[in-house]
Full PDB file with SEQRES, HELIX, SHEET, SSBOND, CRYST1, ORIGX, SCALE, CONECT and MASTER records, all heavy atoms in Angstrom:
SEQRES   1 A   32  VAL ASP ALA PHE MET LYS GLU VAL ARG LEU LEU SER PRO          
SEQRES   2 A   32  MET TYR LEU SER ILE HIS VAL ARG ALA ILE PRO ASP GLU          
SEQRES   3 A   32  GLU ILE GLN GLN SER SER                                      
HELIX    1 AA1 ASP A   25  SER A   31  1                                   7    
CRYST1    1.000    1.000    1.000  90.00  90.00  90.00 P 1           1          
ORIGX1      1.000000  0.000000  0.000000        0.00000                         
ORIGX2      0.000000  1.000000  0.000000        0.00000                         
ORIGX3      0.000000  0.000000  1.000000        0.00000                         
SCALE1      1.000000  0.000000  0.000000        0.00000                         
SCALE2      0.000000  1.000000  0.000000        0.00000                         
SCALE3      0.000000  0.000000  1.000000        0.00000                         
ATOM      1  N   VAL A   1     -18.198 -25.452   3.832  1.00  0.00           N  
ATOM      2  CA  VAL A   1     -19.201 -26.401   3.346  1.00  0.00           C  
ATOM      3  C   VAL A   1     -18.745 -27.824   3.664  1.00  0.00           C  
ATOM      4  O   VAL A   1     -17.587 -28.055   4.012  1.00  0.00           O  
ATOM      5  CB  VAL A   1     -19.429 -26.248   1.820  1.00  0.00           C  
ATOM      6  CG1 VAL A   1     -19.921 -24.851   1.483  1.00  0.00           C  
ATOM      7  CG2 VAL A   1     -18.145 -26.568   1.048  1.00  0.00           C  
ATOM      8  N   ASP A   2     -19.660 -28.783   3.517  1.00  0.00           N  
ATOM      9  CA  ASP A   2     -19.285 -30.182   3.729  1.00  0.00           C  
ATOM     10  C   ASP A   2     -18.905 -30.827   2.403  1.00  0.00           C  
ATOM     11  O   ASP A   2     -18.778 -30.151   1.379  1.00  0.00           O  
ATOM     12  CB  ASP A   2     -20.393 -30.951   4.467  1.00  0.00           C  
ATOM     13  CG  ASP A   2     -21.666 -31.116   3.622  1.00  0.00           C  
ATOM     14  OD1 ASP A   2     -21.629 -30.872   2.393  1.00  0.00           O  
ATOM     15  OD2 ASP A   2     -22.703 -31.499   4.196  1.00  0.00           O  
ATOM     16  N   ALA A   3     -18.726 -32.133   2.403  1.00  0.00           N  
ATOM     17  CA  ALA A   3     -18.236 -32.822   1.217  1.00  0.00           C  
ATOM     18  C   ALA A   3     -19.241 -32.835   0.071  1.00  0.00           C  
ATOM     19  O   ALA A   3     -18.876 -33.087  -1.078  1.00  0.00           O  
ATOM     20  CB  ALA A   3     -17.847 -34.265   1.558  1.00  0.00           C  
ATOM     21  N   PHE A   4     -20.513 -32.564   0.364  1.00  0.00           N  
ATOM     22  CA  PHE A   4     -21.538 -32.491  -0.672  1.00  0.00           C  
ATOM     23  C   PHE A   4     -21.818 -31.036  -1.061  1.00  0.00           C  
ATOM     24  O   PHE A   4     -22.822 -30.736  -1.679  1.00  0.00           O  
ATOM     25  CB  PHE A   4     -22.823 -33.168  -0.207  1.00  0.00           C  
ATOM     26  CG  PHE A   4     -22.684 -34.656  -0.007  1.00  0.00           C  
ATOM     27  CD1 PHE A   4     -22.569 -35.193   1.267  1.00  0.00           C  
ATOM     28  CD2 PHE A   4     -22.671 -35.523  -1.096  1.00  0.00           C  
ATOM     29  CE1 PHE A   4     -22.435 -36.563   1.458  1.00  0.00           C  
ATOM     30  CE2 PHE A   4     -22.539 -36.891  -0.917  1.00  0.00           C  
ATOM     31  CZ  PHE A   4     -22.420 -37.415   0.370  1.00  0.00           C  
ATOM     32  N   MET A   5     -20.921 -30.133  -0.665  1.00  0.00           N  
ATOM     33  CA  MET A   5     -21.023 -28.708  -0.954  1.00  0.00           C  
ATOM     34  C   MET A   5     -22.247 -28.058  -0.310  1.00  0.00           C  
ATOM     35  O   MET A   5     -22.750 -27.042  -0.791  1.00  0.00           O  
ATOM     36  CB  MET A   5     -21.034 -28.443  -2.480  1.00  0.00           C  
ATOM     37  CG  MET A   5     -19.750 -28.834  -3.173  1.00  0.00           C  
ATOM     38  SD  MET A   5     -18.324 -27.815  -2.708  1.00  0.00           S  
ATOM     39  CE  MET A   5     -17.284 -29.064  -1.920  1.00  0.00           C  
ATOM     40  N   LYS A   6     -22.725 -28.619   0.798  1.00  0.00           N  
ATOM     41  CA  LYS A   6     -23.807 -28.028   1.576  1.00  0.00           C  
ATOM     42  C   LYS A   6     -23.200 -27.180   2.681  1.00  0.00           C  
ATOM     43  O   LYS A   6     -22.230 -27.582   3.334  1.00  0.00           O  
ATOM     44  CB  LYS A   6     -24.706 -29.106   2.187  1.00  0.00           C  
ATOM     45  CG  LYS A   6     -25.318 -30.069   1.182  1.00  0.00           C  
ATOM     46  CD  LYS A   6     -26.337 -29.389   0.289  1.00  0.00           C  
ATOM     47  CE  LYS A   6     -27.038 -30.404  -0.612  1.00  0.00           C  
ATOM     48  NZ  LYS A   6     -28.042 -29.772  -1.497  1.00  0.00           N  
ATOM     49  N   GLU A   7     -23.761 -26.011   2.927  1.00  0.00           N  
ATOM     50  CA  GLU A   7     -23.197 -25.107   3.915  1.00  0.00           C  
ATOM     51  C   GLU A   7     -23.248 -25.705   5.322  1.00  0.00           C  
ATOM     52  O   GLU A   7     -24.216 -26.359   5.703  1.00  0.00           O  
ATOM     53  CB  GLU A   7     -23.914 -23.755   3.897  1.00  0.00           C  
ATOM     54  CG  GLU A   7     -23.643 -22.957   2.634  1.00  0.00           C  
ATOM     55  CD  GLU A   7     -23.993 -21.484   2.783  1.00  0.00           C  
ATOM     56  OE1 GLU A   7     -23.866 -20.941   3.909  1.00  0.00           O  
ATOM     57  OE2 GLU A   7     -24.389 -20.880   1.777  1.00  0.00           O  
ATOM     58  N   VAL A   8     -22.180 -25.470   6.073  1.00  0.00           N  
ATOM     59  CA  VAL A   8     -22.077 -25.935   7.451  1.00  0.00           C  
ATOM     60  C   VAL A   8     -22.612 -24.834   8.364  1.00  0.00           C  
ATOM     61  O   VAL A   8     -22.215 -23.670   8.239  1.00  0.00           O  
ATOM     62  CB  VAL A   8     -20.613 -26.249   7.817  1.00  0.00           C  
ATOM     63  CG1 VAL A   8     -20.474 -26.576   9.299  1.00  0.00           C  
ATOM     64  CG2 VAL A   8     -20.094 -27.397   6.956  1.00  0.00           C  
ATOM     65  N   ARG A   9     -23.495 -25.193   9.273  1.00  0.00           N  
ATOM     66  CA  ARG A   9     -24.021 -24.194  10.207  1.00  0.00           C  
ATOM     67  C   ARG A   9     -23.211 -24.237  11.500  1.00  0.00           C  
ATOM     68  O   ARG A   9     -23.152 -25.269  12.173  1.00  0.00           O  
ATOM     69  CB  ARG A   9     -25.501 -24.432  10.496  1.00  0.00           C  
ATOM     70  CG  ARG A   9     -26.097 -23.287  11.305  1.00  0.00           C  
ATOM     71  CD  ARG A   9     -27.553 -23.472  11.628  1.00  0.00           C  
ATOM     72  NE  ARG A   9     -28.050 -22.340  12.392  1.00  0.00           N  
ATOM     73  CZ  ARG A   9     -29.040 -22.398  13.267  1.00  0.00           C  
ATOM     74  NH1 ARG A   9     -29.662 -23.537  13.484  1.00  0.00           N  
ATOM     75  NH2 ARG A   9     -29.428 -21.327  13.928  1.00  0.00           N  
ATOM     76  N   LEU A  10     -22.580 -23.115  11.838  1.00  0.00           N  
ATOM     77  CA  LEU A  10     -21.802 -22.975  13.065  1.00  0.00           C  
ATOM     78  C   LEU A  10     -22.558 -22.097  14.056  1.00  0.00           C  
ATOM     79  O   LEU A  10     -23.274 -21.176  13.666  1.00  0.00           O  
ATOM     80  CB  LEU A  10     -20.438 -22.336  12.766  1.00  0.00           C  
ATOM     81  CG  LEU A  10     -19.487 -23.085  11.825  1.00  0.00           C  
ATOM     82  CD1 LEU A  10     -18.250 -22.233  11.565  1.00  0.00           C  
ATOM     83  CD2 LEU A  10     -19.090 -24.431  12.410  1.00  0.00           C  
ATOM     84  N   LEU A  11     -22.364 -22.371  15.339  1.00  0.00           N  
ATOM     85  CA  LEU A  11     -23.004 -21.561  16.384  1.00  0.00           C  
ATOM     86  C   LEU A  11     -22.003 -20.647  17.087  1.00  0.00           C  
ATOM     87  O   LEU A  11     -22.331 -20.032  18.111  1.00  0.00           O  
ATOM     88  CB  LEU A  11     -23.689 -22.470  17.406  1.00  0.00           C  
ATOM     89  CG  LEU A  11     -24.861 -23.305  16.861  1.00  0.00           C  
ATOM     90  CD1 LEU A  11     -25.509 -24.103  17.986  1.00  0.00           C  
ATOM     91  CD2 LEU A  11     -25.902 -22.419  16.182  1.00  0.00           C  
ATOM     92  N   SER A  12     -20.787 -20.555  16.569  1.00  0.00           N  
ATOM     93  CA  SER A  12     -19.778 -19.636  17.081  1.00  0.00           C  
ATOM     94  C   SER A  12     -18.904 -19.194  15.913  1.00  0.00           C  
ATOM     95  O   SER A  12     -18.871 -19.862  14.874  1.00  0.00           O  
ATOM     96  CB  SER A  12     -18.946 -20.293  18.190  1.00  0.00           C  
ATOM     97  OG  SER A  12     -18.326 -21.469  17.728  1.00  0.00           O  
ATOM     98  N   PRO A  13     -18.178 -18.088  16.055  1.00  0.00           N  
ATOM     99  CA  PRO A  13     -17.440 -17.517  14.912  1.00  0.00           C  
ATOM    100  C   PRO A  13     -16.328 -18.418  14.384  1.00  0.00           C  
ATOM    101  O   PRO A  13     -15.762 -19.252  15.090  1.00  0.00           O  
ATOM    102  CB  PRO A  13     -16.856 -16.218  15.481  1.00  0.00           C  
ATOM    103  CG  PRO A  13     -17.730 -15.881  16.633  1.00  0.00           C  
ATOM    104  CD  PRO A  13     -18.139 -17.194  17.228  1.00  0.00           C  
ATOM    105  N   MET A  14     -16.021 -18.221  13.125  1.00  0.00           N  
ATOM    106  CA  MET A  14     -14.926 -18.879  12.436  1.00  0.00           C  
ATOM    107  C   MET A  14     -13.837 -17.829  12.169  1.00  0.00           C  
ATOM    108  O   MET A  14     -14.123 -16.719  11.720  1.00  0.00           O  
ATOM    109  CB  MET A  14     -15.424 -19.473  11.113  1.00  0.00           C  
ATOM    110  CG  MET A  14     -14.357 -20.053  10.208  1.00  0.00           C  
ATOM    111  SD  MET A  14     -15.074 -20.798   8.700  1.00  0.00           S  
ATOM    112  CE  MET A  14     -15.749 -19.338   7.856  1.00  0.00           C  
ATOM    113  N   TYR A  15     -12.574 -18.185  12.451  1.00  0.00           N  
ATOM    114  CA  TYR A  15     -11.446 -17.275  12.262  1.00  0.00           C  
ATOM    115  C   TYR A  15     -10.532 -17.822  11.167  1.00  0.00           C  
ATOM    116  O   TYR A  15     -10.233 -19.017  11.140  1.00  0.00           O  
ATOM    117  CB  TYR A  15     -10.651 -17.103  13.557  1.00  0.00           C  
ATOM    118  CG  TYR A  15     -11.407 -16.416  14.666  1.00  0.00           C  
ATOM    119  CD1 TYR A  15     -12.319 -17.126  15.444  1.00  0.00           C  
ATOM    120  CD2 TYR A  15     -11.221 -15.062  14.928  1.00  0.00           C  
ATOM    121  CE1 TYR A  15     -13.023 -16.499  16.460  1.00  0.00           C  
ATOM    122  CE2 TYR A  15     -11.928 -14.426  15.943  1.00  0.00           C  
ATOM    123  CZ  TYR A  15     -12.823 -15.151  16.710  1.00  0.00           C  
ATOM    124  OH  TYR A  15     -13.534 -14.529  17.713  1.00  0.00           O  
ATOM    125  N   LEU A  16     -10.068 -16.936  10.293  1.00  0.00           N  
ATOM    126  CA  LEU A  16      -9.152 -17.310   9.220  1.00  0.00           C  
ATOM    127  C   LEU A  16      -7.886 -16.481   9.311  1.00  0.00           C  
ATOM    128  O   LEU A  16      -7.939 -15.265   9.537  1.00  0.00           O  
ATOM    129  CB  LEU A  16      -9.793 -17.090   7.844  1.00  0.00           C  
ATOM    130  CG  LEU A  16     -11.091 -17.825   7.517  1.00  0.00           C  
ATOM    131  CD1 LEU A  16     -11.554 -17.440   6.117  1.00  0.00           C  
ATOM    132  CD2 LEU A  16     -10.929 -19.328   7.643  1.00  0.00           C  
ATOM    133  N   SER A  17      -6.752 -17.140   9.125  1.00  0.00           N  
ATOM    134  CA  SER A  17      -5.478 -16.447   8.941  1.00  0.00           C  
ATOM    135  C   SER A  17      -5.135 -16.505   7.452  1.00  0.00           C  
ATOM    136  O   SER A  17      -5.174 -17.588   6.849  1.00  0.00           O  
ATOM    137  CB  SER A  17      -4.364 -17.105   9.751  1.00  0.00           C  
ATOM    138  OG  SER A  17      -4.639 -17.003  11.138  1.00  0.00           O  
ATOM    139  N   ILE A  18      -4.833 -15.359   6.874  1.00  0.00           N  
ATOM    140  CA  ILE A  18      -4.620 -15.266   5.427  1.00  0.00           C  
ATOM    141  C   ILE A  18      -3.276 -14.610   5.154  1.00  0.00           C  
ATOM    142  O   ILE A  18      -2.942 -13.568   5.733  1.00  0.00           O  
ATOM    143  CB  ILE A  18      -5.743 -14.456   4.744  1.00  0.00           C  
ATOM    144  CG1 ILE A  18      -7.095 -15.132   4.975  1.00  0.00           C  
ATOM    145  CG2 ILE A  18      -5.472 -14.295   3.259  1.00  0.00           C  
ATOM    146  CD1 ILE A  18      -8.267 -14.342   4.444  1.00  0.00           C  
ATOM    147  N   HIS A  19      -2.496 -15.236   4.284  1.00  0.00           N  
ATOM    148  CA  HIS A  19      -1.216 -14.666   3.850  1.00  0.00           C  
ATOM    149  C   HIS A  19      -1.361 -14.204   2.401  1.00  0.00           C  
ATOM    150  O   HIS A  19      -1.767 -14.972   1.533  1.00  0.00           O  
ATOM    151  CB  HIS A  19      -0.102 -15.711   3.952  1.00  0.00           C  
ATOM    152  CG  HIS A  19       1.228 -15.215   3.491  1.00  0.00           C  
ATOM    153  ND1 HIS A  19       2.025 -14.377   4.242  1.00  0.00           N  
ATOM    154  CD2 HIS A  19       1.906 -15.434   2.323  1.00  0.00           C  
ATOM    155  CE1 HIS A  19       3.128 -14.095   3.582  1.00  0.00           C  
ATOM    156  NE2 HIS A  19       3.092 -14.729   2.416  1.00  0.00           N  
ATOM    157  N   VAL A  20      -1.026 -12.966   2.159  1.00  0.00           N  
ATOM    158  CA  VAL A  20      -1.084 -12.396   0.804  1.00  0.00           C  
ATOM    159  C   VAL A  20       0.298 -11.866   0.458  1.00  0.00           C  
ATOM    160  O   VAL A  20       0.908 -11.125   1.234  1.00  0.00           O  
ATOM    161  CB  VAL A  20      -2.109 -11.246   0.714  1.00  0.00           C  
ATOM    162  CG1 VAL A  20      -2.090 -10.627  -0.685  1.00  0.00           C  
ATOM    163  CG2 VAL A  20      -3.505 -11.746   1.058  1.00  0.00           C  
ATOM    164  N   ARG A  21       0.797 -12.284  -0.690  1.00  0.00           N  
ATOM    165  CA  ARG A  21       2.093 -11.766  -1.149  1.00  0.00           C  
ATOM    166  C   ARG A  21       1.941 -11.147  -2.532  1.00  0.00           C  
ATOM    167  O   ARG A  21       1.161 -11.625  -3.365  1.00  0.00           O  
ATOM    168  CB  ARG A  21       3.146 -12.871  -1.157  1.00  0.00           C  
ATOM    169  CG  ARG A  21       2.906 -13.998  -2.140  1.00  0.00           C  
ATOM    170  CD  ARG A  21       4.039 -15.022  -2.111  1.00  0.00           C  
ATOM    171  NE  ARG A  21       3.775 -16.113  -3.040  1.00  0.00           N  
ATOM    172  CZ  ARG A  21       4.112 -16.099  -4.316  1.00  0.00           C  
ATOM    173  NH1 ARG A  21       4.730 -15.041  -4.827  1.00  0.00           N  
ATOM    174  NH2 ARG A  21       3.836 -17.136  -5.098  1.00  0.00           N  
ATOM    175  N   ALA A  22       2.685 -10.097  -2.723  1.00  0.00           N  
ATOM    176  CA  ALA A  22       2.677  -9.433  -4.031  1.00  0.00           C  
ATOM    177  C   ALA A  22       3.468 -10.262  -5.034  1.00  0.00           C  
ATOM    178  O   ALA A  22       4.489 -10.861  -4.699  1.00  0.00           O  
ATOM    179  CB  ALA A  22       3.284  -8.043  -3.902  1.00  0.00           C  
ATOM    180  N   ILE A  23       2.971 -10.334  -6.249  1.00  0.00           N  
ATOM    181  CA  ILE A  23       3.693 -11.022  -7.328  1.00  0.00           C  
ATOM    182  C   ILE A  23       4.232  -9.965  -8.277  1.00  0.00           C  
ATOM    183  O   ILE A  23       3.456  -9.248  -8.931  1.00  0.00           O  
ATOM    184  CB  ILE A  23       2.762 -11.991  -8.092  1.00  0.00           C  
ATOM    185  CG1 ILE A  23       2.213 -13.056  -7.152  1.00  0.00           C  
ATOM    186  CG2 ILE A  23       3.512 -12.644  -9.256  1.00  0.00           C  
ATOM    187  CD1 ILE A  23       1.257 -14.028  -7.823  1.00  0.00           C  
ATOM    188  N   PRO A  24       5.546  -9.842  -8.347  1.00  0.00           N  
ATOM    189  CA  PRO A  24       6.121  -8.832  -9.261  1.00  0.00           C  
ATOM    190  C   PRO A  24       5.622  -9.029 -10.681  1.00  0.00           C  
ATOM    191  O   PRO A  24       5.450 -10.167 -11.146  1.00  0.00           O  
ATOM    192  CB  PRO A  24       7.638  -9.083  -9.152  1.00  0.00           C  
ATOM    193  CG  PRO A  24       7.814  -9.730  -7.803  1.00  0.00           C  
ATOM    194  CD  PRO A  24       6.581 -10.570  -7.604  1.00  0.00           C  
ATOM    195  N   ASP A  25       5.378  -7.951 -11.366  1.00  0.00           N  
ATOM    196  CA  ASP A  25       4.838  -8.019 -12.724  1.00  0.00           C  
ATOM    197  C   ASP A  25       5.741  -8.816 -13.653  1.00  0.00           C  
ATOM    198  O   ASP A  25       5.264  -9.519 -14.557  1.00  0.00           O  
ATOM    199  CB  ASP A  25       4.641  -6.608 -13.277  1.00  0.00           C  
ATOM    200  CG  ASP A  25       3.551  -5.849 -12.528  1.00  0.00           C  
ATOM    201  OD1 ASP A  25       2.696  -6.520 -11.900  1.00  0.00           O  
ATOM    202  OD2 ASP A  25       3.550  -4.613 -12.560  1.00  0.00           O  
ATOM    203  N   GLU A  26       7.071  -8.772 -13.418  1.00  0.00           N  
ATOM    204  CA  GLU A  26       7.981  -9.488 -14.314  1.00  0.00           C  
ATOM    205  C   GLU A  26       7.800 -11.002 -14.186  1.00  0.00           C  
ATOM    206  O   GLU A  26       8.013 -11.738 -15.149  1.00  0.00           O  
ATOM    207  CB  GLU A  26       9.435  -9.105 -14.044  1.00  0.00           C  
ATOM    208  CG  GLU A  26       9.882  -9.243 -12.603  1.00  0.00           C  
ATOM    209  CD  GLU A  26       9.730  -7.938 -11.833  1.00  0.00           C  
ATOM    210  OE1 GLU A  26       8.874  -7.115 -12.237  1.00  0.00           O  
ATOM    211  OE2 GLU A  26      10.464  -7.752 -10.850  1.00  0.00           O  
ATOM    212  N   GLU A  27       7.384 -11.487 -12.992  1.00  0.00           N  
ATOM    213  CA  GLU A  27       7.131 -12.928 -12.836  1.00  0.00           C  
ATOM    214  C   GLU A  27       5.960 -13.373 -13.699  1.00  0.00           C  
ATOM    215  O   GLU A  27       5.995 -14.428 -14.329  1.00  0.00           O  
ATOM    216  CB  GLU A  27       6.854 -13.261 -11.369  1.00  0.00           C  
ATOM    217  CG  GLU A  27       8.064 -13.247 -10.473  1.00  0.00           C  
ATOM    218  CD  GLU A  27       7.749 -13.778  -9.092  1.00  0.00           C  
ATOM    219  OE1 GLU A  27       6.732 -14.512  -8.963  1.00  0.00           O  
ATOM    220  OE2 GLU A  27       8.494 -13.475  -8.148  1.00  0.00           O  
ATOM    221  N   ILE A  28       4.921 -12.567 -13.729  1.00  0.00           N  
ATOM    222  CA  ILE A  28       3.752 -12.879 -14.553  1.00  0.00           C  
ATOM    223  C   ILE A  28       4.118 -12.849 -16.026  1.00  0.00           C  
ATOM    224  O   ILE A  28       3.727 -13.711 -16.821  1.00  0.00           O  
ATOM    225  CB  ILE A  28       2.604 -11.889 -14.268  1.00  0.00           C  
ATOM    226  CG1 ILE A  28       2.136 -12.022 -12.810  1.00  0.00           C  
ATOM    227  CG2 ILE A  28       1.449 -12.115 -15.224  1.00  0.00           C  
ATOM    228  CD1 ILE A  28       1.526 -13.362 -12.480  1.00  0.00           C  
ATOM    229  N   GLN A  29       4.933 -11.860 -16.421  1.00  0.00           N  
ATOM    230  CA  GLN A  29       5.343 -11.752 -17.821  1.00  0.00           C  
ATOM    231  C   GLN A  29       6.203 -12.940 -18.230  1.00  0.00           C  
ATOM    232  O   GLN A  29       6.030 -13.509 -19.305  1.00  0.00           O  
ATOM    233  CB  GLN A  29       6.107 -10.448 -18.025  1.00  0.00           C  
ATOM    234  CG  GLN A  29       5.264  -9.192 -17.856  1.00  0.00           C  
ATOM    235  CD  GLN A  29       6.077  -7.926 -17.828  1.00  0.00           C  
ATOM    236  OE1 GLN A  29       7.297  -7.964 -17.911  1.00  0.00           O  
ATOM    237  NE2 GLN A  29       5.393  -6.793 -17.702  1.00  0.00           N  
ATOM    238  N   GLN A  30       7.126 -13.368 -17.342  1.00  0.00           N  
ATOM    239  CA  GLN A  30       7.968 -14.531 -17.649  1.00  0.00           C  
ATOM    240  C   GLN A  30       7.126 -15.790 -17.749  1.00  0.00           C  
ATOM    241  O   GLN A  30       7.327 -16.617 -18.633  1.00  0.00           O  
ATOM    242  CB  GLN A  30       9.049 -14.684 -16.560  1.00  0.00           C  
ATOM    243  CG  GLN A  30      10.115 -13.613 -16.588  1.00  0.00           C  
ATOM    244  CD  GLN A  30      11.056 -13.725 -15.404  1.00  0.00           C  
ATOM    245  OE1 GLN A  30      10.944 -14.653 -14.597  1.00  0.00           O  
ATOM    246  NE2 GLN A  30      11.995 -12.795 -15.308  1.00  0.00           N  
ATOM    247  N   SER A  31       6.169 -15.932 -16.828  1.00  0.00           N  
ATOM    248  CA  SER A  31       5.304 -17.099 -16.852  1.00  0.00           C  
ATOM    249  C   SER A  31       4.504 -17.163 -18.145  1.00  0.00           C  
ATOM    250  O   SER A  31       4.338 -18.213 -18.761  1.00  0.00           O  
ATOM    251  CB  SER A  31       4.355 -17.078 -15.650  1.00  0.00           C  
ATOM    252  OG  SER A  31       3.453 -18.152 -15.691  1.00  0.00           O  
ATOM    253  N   SER A  32       4.006 -16.000 -18.595  1.00  0.00           N  
ATOM    254  CA  SER A  32       3.238 -15.936 -19.838  1.00  0.00           C  
ATOM    255  C   SER A  32       4.115 -16.288 -21.032  1.00  0.00           C  
ATOM    256  O   SER A  32       3.686 -16.964 -21.972  1.00  0.00           O  
ATOM    257  CB  SER A  32       2.630 -14.550 -20.022  1.00  0.00           C  
ATOM    258  OG  SER A  32       1.759 -14.231 -18.949  1.00  0.00           O  
TER     259      SER A  32                                                      
MASTER        0    0    0    1    0    0    0    6  258    1    0    3          
END                                                                             
């Protein structure tokens, strides 16, 4: 989207690289 939260129209594909890491349950418990 743009700065006014209006969708941007593209005429070719958009590619995303995404990194996902597991969070050990003990980290969440310690944080809580």
